[in-house]
Amino acid sequence: MILEVGNLDGLFTLILLIMFGPALLFLIVGIILLANQKKKAGKVFMILAGVYLLISLGVCGSMMS
């Protein structure tokens, strides 16, 4: 007996949201802080965005393959 899972579009969307959501949010906050002359905090958020994106692509990318 073969068990069919069904439609997994919601799960795929959730994984993509977890992969790119926080990194995009950190990037937007970093750009806003850089525009408001808070350069050190803006750079920190840009670095956090890059690190989160790198780690999430590795972890979630391995789950998706």
PDB file of N, CA and C in Angstrom:
ATOM      1  N   MET A   1       0.846  -1.172   0.000  1.00  0.00           N
ATOM      2  CA  MET A   1       0.000   0.000   0.000  1.00  0.00           C
ATOM      3  C   MET A   1       0.897   1.243   0.000  1.00  0.00           C
ATOM      4  N   ILE A   2       0.687   2.113  -0.983  1.00  0.00           N
ATOM      5  CA  ILE A   2       1.489   3.318  -1.117  1.00  0.00           C
ATOM      6  C   ILE A   2       0.760   4.482  -0.447  1.00  0.00           C
ATOM      7  N   LEU A   3       1.454   5.144   0.451  1.00  0.00           N
ATOM      8  CA  LEU A   3       0.880   6.307   1.124  1.00  0.00           C
ATOM      9  C   LEU A   3       1.267   7.579   0.377  1.00  0.00           C
ATOM     10  N   GLU A   4       0.276   8.350  -0.022  1.00  0.00           N
ATOM     11  CA  GLU A   4       0.547   9.605  -0.702  1.00  0.00           C
ATOM     12  C   GLU A   4       0.448  10.754   0.298  1.00  0.00           C
ATOM     13  N   VAL A   5       1.379  11.640   0.218  1.00  0.00           N
ATOM     14  CA  VAL A   5       1.438  12.741   1.161  1.00  0.00           C
ATOM     15  C   VAL A   5       0.420  13.808   0.802  1.00  0.00           C
ATOM     16  N   GLY A   6       0.307  14.127  -0.464  1.00  0.00           N
ATOM     17  CA  GLY A   6      -0.626  15.164  -0.887  1.00  0.00           C
ATOM     18  C   GLY A   6       0.112  16.411  -1.336  1.00  0.00           C
ATOM     19  N   ASN A   7      -0.528  17.529  -1.198  1.00  0.00           N
ATOM     20  CA  ASN A   7       0.022  18.791  -1.658  1.00  0.00           C
ATOM     21  C   ASN A   7       0.948  19.377  -0.590  1.00  0.00           C
ATOM     22  N   LEU A   8       2.206  19.586  -0.961  1.00  0.00           N
ATOM     23  CA  LEU A   8       3.195  20.098  -0.009  1.00  0.00           C
ATOM     24  C   LEU A   8       3.597  21.539  -0.316  1.00  0.00           C
ATOM     25  N   ASP A   9       2.743  22.285  -0.998  1.00  0.00           N
ATOM     26  CA  ASP A   9       3.076  23.664  -1.337  1.00  0.00           C
ATOM     27  C   ASP A   9       3.214  24.539  -0.096  1.00  0.00           C
ATOM     28  N   GLY A  10       2.388  24.327   0.895  1.00  0.00           N
ATOM     29  CA  GLY A  10       2.464  25.116   2.124  1.00  0.00           C
ATOM     30  C   GLY A  10       3.764  24.878   2.870  1.00  0.00           C
ATOM     31  N   LEU A  11       4.213  23.644   2.914  1.00  0.00           N
ATOM     32  CA  LEU A  11       5.466  23.314   3.586  1.00  0.00           C
ATOM     33  C   LEU A  11       6.653  23.917   2.850  1.00  0.00           C
ATOM     34  N   PHE A  12       6.618  23.852   1.530  1.00  0.00           N
ATOM     35  CA  PHE A  12       7.679  24.438   0.713  1.00  0.00           C
ATOM     36  C   PHE A  12       7.743  25.958   0.917  1.00  0.00           C
ATOM     37  N   THR A  13       6.587  26.601   0.966  1.00  0.00           N
ATOM     38  CA  THR A  13       6.531  28.048   1.200  1.00  0.00           C
ATOM     39  C   THR A  13       7.053  28.388   2.590  1.00  0.00           C
ATOM     40  N   LEU A  14       6.732  27.595   3.582  1.00  0.00           N
ATOM     41  CA  LEU A  14       7.211  27.829   4.945  1.00  0.00           C
ATOM     42  C   LEU A  14       8.727  27.700   5.032  1.00  0.00           C
ATOM     43  N   ILE A  15       9.290  26.720   4.360  1.00  0.00           N
ATOM     44  CA  ILE A  15      10.748  26.548   4.367  1.00  0.00           C
ATOM     45  C   ILE A  15      11.420  27.732   3.683  1.00  0.00           C
ATOM     46  N   LEU A  16      10.850  28.205   2.567  1.00  0.00           N
ATOM     47  CA  LEU A  16      11.414  29.376   1.887  1.00  0.00           C
ATOM     48  C   LEU A  16      11.315  30.623   2.758  1.00  0.00           C
ATOM     49  N   LEU A  17      10.216  30.753   3.485  1.00  0.00           N
ATOM     50  CA  LEU A  17      10.042  31.897   4.373  1.00  0.00           C
ATOM     51  C   LEU A  17      11.054  31.866   5.518  1.00  0.00           C
ATOM     52  N   ILE A  18      11.327  30.689   6.046  1.00  0.00           N
ATOM     53  CA  ILE A  18      12.320  30.550   7.103  1.00  0.00           C
ATOM     54  C   ILE A  18      13.722  30.813   6.558  1.00  0.00           C
ATOM     55  N   MET A  19      13.971  30.438   5.300  1.00  0.00           N
ATOM     56  CA  MET A  19      15.288  30.648   4.696  1.00  0.00           C
ATOM     57  C   MET A  19      15.569  32.131   4.453  1.00  0.00           C
ATOM     58  N   PHE A  20      14.611  32.830   3.857  1.00  0.00           N
ATOM     59  CA  PHE A  20      14.891  34.183   3.387  1.00  0.00           C
ATOM     60  C   PHE A  20      14.245  35.284   4.221  1.00  0.00           C
ATOM     61  N   GLY A  21      13.273  34.977   5.054  1.00  0.00           N
ATOM     62  CA  GLY A  21      12.550  35.995   5.809  1.00  0.00           C
ATOM     63  C   GLY A  21      13.406  36.794   6.777  1.00  0.00           C
ATOM     64  N   PRO A  22      14.062  36.153   7.737  1.00  0.00           N
ATOM     65  CA  PRO A  22      14.864  36.917   8.698  1.00  0.00           C
ATOM     66  C   PRO A  22      16.054  37.626   8.055  1.00  0.00           C
ATOM     67  N   ALA A  23      16.674  36.997   7.057  1.00  0.00           N
ATOM     68  CA  ALA A  23      17.803  37.648   6.387  1.00  0.00           C
ATOM     69  C   ALA A  23      17.342  38.909   5.661  1.00  0.00           C
ATOM     70  N   LEU A  24      16.190  38.847   5.026  1.00  0.00           N
ATOM     71  CA  LEU A  24      15.647  40.024   4.345  1.00  0.00           C
ATOM     72  C   LEU A  24      15.272  41.107   5.347  1.00  0.00           C
ATOM     73  N   LEU A  25      14.724  40.710   6.484  1.00  0.00           N
ATOM     74  CA  LEU A  25      14.375  41.671   7.531  1.00  0.00           C
ATOM     75  C   LEU A  25      15.625  42.348   8.097  1.00  0.00           C
ATOM     76  N   PHE A  26      16.690  41.574   8.364  1.00  0.00           N
ATOM     77  CA  PHE A  26      17.946  42.148   8.839  1.00  0.00           C
ATOM     78  C   PHE A  26      18.544  43.099   7.804  1.00  0.00           C
ATOM     79  N   LEU A  27      18.432  42.750   6.530  1.00  0.00           N
ATOM     80  CA  LEU A  27      18.961  43.600   5.474  1.00  0.00           C
ATOM     81  C   LEU A  27      18.219  44.927   5.414  1.00  0.00           C
ATOM     82  N   ILE A  28      16.908  44.886   5.514  1.00  0.00           N
ATOM     83  CA  ILE A  28      16.110  46.119   5.482  1.00  0.00           C
ATOM     84  C   ILE A  28      16.438  46.998   6.685  1.00  0.00           C
ATOM     85  N   VAL A  29      16.544  46.405   7.872  1.00  0.00           N
ATOM     86  CA  VAL A  29      16.885  47.175   9.073  1.00  0.00           C
ATOM     87  C   VAL A  29      18.282  47.777   8.935  1.00  0.00           C
ATOM     88  N   GLY A  30      19.221  47.014   8.382  1.00  0.00           N
ATOM     89  CA  GLY A  30      20.568  47.521   8.186  1.00  0.00           C
ATOM     90  C   GLY A  30      20.616  48.692   7.224  1.00  0.00           C
ATOM     91  N   ILE A  31      19.849  48.628   6.140  1.00  0.00           N
ATOM     92  CA  ILE A  31      19.805  49.732   5.179  1.00  0.00           C
ATOM     93  C   ILE A  31      19.184  50.968   5.819  1.00  0.00           C
ATOM     94  N   ILE A  32      18.138  50.778   6.601  1.00  0.00           N
ATOM     95  CA  ILE A  32      17.503  51.920   7.278  1.00  0.00           C
ATOM     96  C   ILE A  32      18.465  52.556   8.271  1.00  0.00           C
ATOM     97  N   LEU A  33      19.203  51.744   9.016  1.00  0.00           N
ATOM     98  CA  LEU A  33      20.155  52.293   9.978  1.00  0.00           C
ATOM     99  C   LEU A  33      21.318  53.005   9.286  1.00  0.00           C
ATOM    100  N   LEU A  34      21.762  52.469   8.162  1.00  0.00           N
ATOM    101  CA  LEU A  34      22.821  53.154   7.420  1.00  0.00           C
ATOM    102  C   LEU A  34      22.345  54.498   6.884  1.00  0.00           C
ATOM    103  N   ALA A  35      21.080  54.557   6.474  1.00  0.00           N
ATOM    104  CA  ALA A  35      20.532  55.810   5.956  1.00  0.00           C
ATOM    105  C   ALA A  35      20.358  56.844   7.072  1.00  0.00           C
ATOM    106  N   ASN A  36      20.179  56.395   8.311  1.00  0.00           N
ATOM    107  CA  ASN A  36      19.987  57.307   9.442  1.00  0.00           C
ATOM    108  C   ASN A  36      21.289  57.617  10.174  1.00  0.00           C
ATOM    109  N   GLN A  37      22.411  57.473   9.491  1.00  0.00           N
ATOM    110  CA  GLN A  37      23.730  57.828  10.034  1.00  0.00           C
ATOM    111  C   GLN A  37      24.146  56.992  11.236  1.00  0.00           C
ATOM    112  N   LYS A  38      23.602  55.804  11.388  1.00  0.00           N
ATOM    113  CA  LYS A  38      24.058  54.888  12.440  1.00  0.00           C
ATOM    114  C   LYS A  38      24.837  53.771  11.753  1.00  0.00           C
ATOM    115  N   LYS A  39      26.042  54.119  11.313  1.00  0.00           N
ATOM    116  CA  LYS A  39      26.806  53.241  10.439  1.00  0.00           C
ATOM    117  C   LYS A  39      27.240  51.942  11.114  1.00  0.00           C
ATOM    118  N   LYS A  40      27.637  52.007  12.372  1.00  0.00           N
ATOM    119  CA  LYS A  40      28.124  50.799  13.037  1.00  0.00           C
ATOM    120  C   LYS A  40      27.001  49.778  13.222  1.00  0.00           C
ATOM    121  N   ALA A  41      25.851  50.231  13.670  1.00  0.00           N
ATOM    122  CA  ALA A  41      24.721  49.316  13.856  1.00  0.00           C
ATOM    123  C   ALA A  41      24.228  48.791  12.508  1.00  0.00           C
ATOM    124  N   GLY A  42      24.254  49.639  11.486  1.00  0.00           N
ATOM    125  CA  GLY A  42      23.838  49.209  10.156  1.00  0.00           C
ATOM    126  C   GLY A  42      24.742  48.124   9.608  1.00  0.00           C
ATOM    127  N   LYS A  43      26.048  48.279   9.819  1.00  0.00           N
ATOM    128  CA  LYS A  43      26.989  47.255   9.361  1.00  0.00           C
ATOM    129  C   LYS A  43      26.788  45.944  10.100  1.00  0.00           C
ATOM    130  N   VAL A  44      26.486  46.030  11.382  1.00  0.00           N
ATOM    131  CA  VAL A  44      26.249  44.813  12.170  1.00  0.00           C
ATOM    132  C   VAL A  44      25.036  44.060  11.626  1.00  0.00           C
ATOM    133  N   PHE A  45      23.970  44.782  11.315  1.00  0.00           N
ATOM    134  CA  PHE A  45      22.781  44.114  10.787  1.00  0.00           C
ATOM    135  C   PHE A  45      23.021  43.556   9.394  1.00  0.00           C
ATOM    136  N   MET A  46      23.839  44.231   8.585  1.00  0.00           N
ATOM    137  CA  MET A  46      24.158  43.697   7.255  1.00  0.00           C
ATOM    138  C   MET A  46      24.966  42.401   7.379  1.00  0.00           C
ATOM    139  N   ILE A  47      25.903  42.363   8.326  1.00  0.00           N
ATOM    140  CA  ILE A  47      26.691  41.152   8.549  1.00  0.00           C
ATOM    141  C   ILE A  47      25.800  40.036   9.076  1.00  0.00           C
ATOM    142  N   LEU A  48      24.881  40.369  10.000  1.00  0.00           N
ATOM    143  CA  LEU A  48      23.938  39.361  10.502  1.00  0.00           C
ATOM    144  C   LEU A  48      23.079  38.792   9.386  1.00  0.00           C
ATOM    145  N   ALA A  49      22.662  39.646   8.466  1.00  0.00           N
ATOM    146  CA  ALA A  49      21.858  39.180   7.331  1.00  0.00           C
ATOM    147  C   ALA A  49      22.641  38.195   6.479  1.00  0.00           C
ATOM    148  N   GLY A  50      23.903  38.508   6.216  1.00  0.00           N
ATOM    149  CA  GLY A  50      24.733  37.611   5.415  1.00  0.00           C
ATOM    150  C   GLY A  50      24.990  36.282   6.096  1.00  0.00           C
ATOM    151  N   VAL A  51      25.293  36.330   7.384  1.00  0.00           N
ATOM    152  CA  VAL A  51      25.559  35.092   8.123  1.00  0.00           C
ATOM    153  C   VAL A  51      24.310  34.237   8.220  1.00  0.00           C
ATOM    154  N   TYR A  52      23.148  34.870   8.494  1.00  0.00           N
ATOM    155  CA  TYR A  52      21.911  34.103   8.591  1.00  0.00           C
ATOM    156  C   TYR A  52      21.566  33.464   7.252  1.00  0.00           C
ATOM    157  N   LEU A  53      21.765  34.213   6.163  1.00  0.00           N
ATOM    158  CA  LEU A  53      21.466  33.671   4.843  1.00  0.00           C
ATOM    159  C   LEU A  53      22.382  32.496   4.527  1.00  0.00           C
ATOM    160  N   LEU A  54      23.656  32.607   4.844  1.00  0.00           N
ATOM    161  CA  LEU A  54      24.603  31.531   4.579  1.00  0.00           C
ATOM    162  C   LEU A  54      24.246  30.273   5.363  1.00  0.00           C
ATOM    163  N   ILE A  55      23.930  30.436   6.630  1.00  0.00           N
ATOM    164  CA  ILE A  55      23.595  29.273   7.463  1.00  0.00           C
ATOM    165  C   ILE A  55      22.257  28.678   7.051  1.00  0.00           C
ATOM    166  N   SER A  56      21.264  29.525   6.789  1.00  0.00           N
ATOM    167  CA  SER A  56      19.946  28.996   6.434  1.00  0.00           C
ATOM    168  C   SER A  56      19.959  28.299   5.073  1.00  0.00           C
ATOM    169  N   LEU A  57      20.738  28.795   4.140  1.00  0.00           N
ATOM    170  CA  LEU A  57      20.842  28.102   2.845  1.00  0.00           C
ATOM    171  C   LEU A  57      21.491  26.742   3.011  1.00  0.00           C
ATOM    172  N   GLY A  58      22.418  26.629   3.939  1.00  0.00           N
ATOM    173  CA  GLY A  58      23.052  25.336   4.171  1.00  0.00           C
ATOM    174  C   GLY A  58      22.123  24.358   4.861  1.00  0.00           C
ATOM    175  N   VAL A  59      21.430  24.811   5.912  1.00  0.00           N
ATOM    176  CA  VAL A  59      20.580  23.905   6.678  1.00  0.00           C
ATOM    177  C   VAL A  59      19.295  23.584   5.910  1.00  0.00           C
ATOM    178  N   CYS A  60      18.573  24.611   5.481  1.00  0.00           N
ATOM    179  CA  CYS A  60      17.311  24.371   4.789  1.00  0.00           C
ATOM    180  C   CYS A  60      17.530  23.809   3.393  1.00  0.00           C
ATOM    181  N   GLY A  61      18.652  24.184   2.769  1.00  0.00           N
ATOM    182  CA  GLY A  61      18.958  23.620   1.461  1.00  0.00           C
ATOM    183  C   GLY A  61      19.217  22.122   1.528  1.00  0.00           C
ATOM    184  N   SER A  62      19.834  21.689   2.620  1.00  0.00           N
ATOM    185  CA  SER A  62      20.066  20.243   2.769  1.00  0.00           C
ATOM    186  C   SER A  62      18.752  19.513   3.076  1.00  0.00           C
ATOM    187  N   MET A  63      17.810  20.186   3.752  1.00  0.00           N
ATOM    188  CA  MET A  63      16.520  19.550   4.019  1.00  0.00           C
ATOM    189  C   MET A  63      15.690  19.419   2.740  1.00  0.00           C
ATOM    190  N   MET A  64      15.855  20.375   1.820  1.00  0.00           N
ATOM    191  CA  MET A  64      15.043  20.368   0.609  1.00  0.00           C
ATOM    192  C   MET A  64      15.571  19.393  -0.429  1.00  0.00           C
ATOM    193  N   SER A  65      16.830  18.987  -0.341  1.00  0.00           N
ATOM    194  CA  SER A  65      17.367  18.083  -1.353  1.00  0.00           C
ATOM    195  C   SER A  65      17.173  16.629  -0.992  1.00  0.00           C
TER     196      SER A  65
END
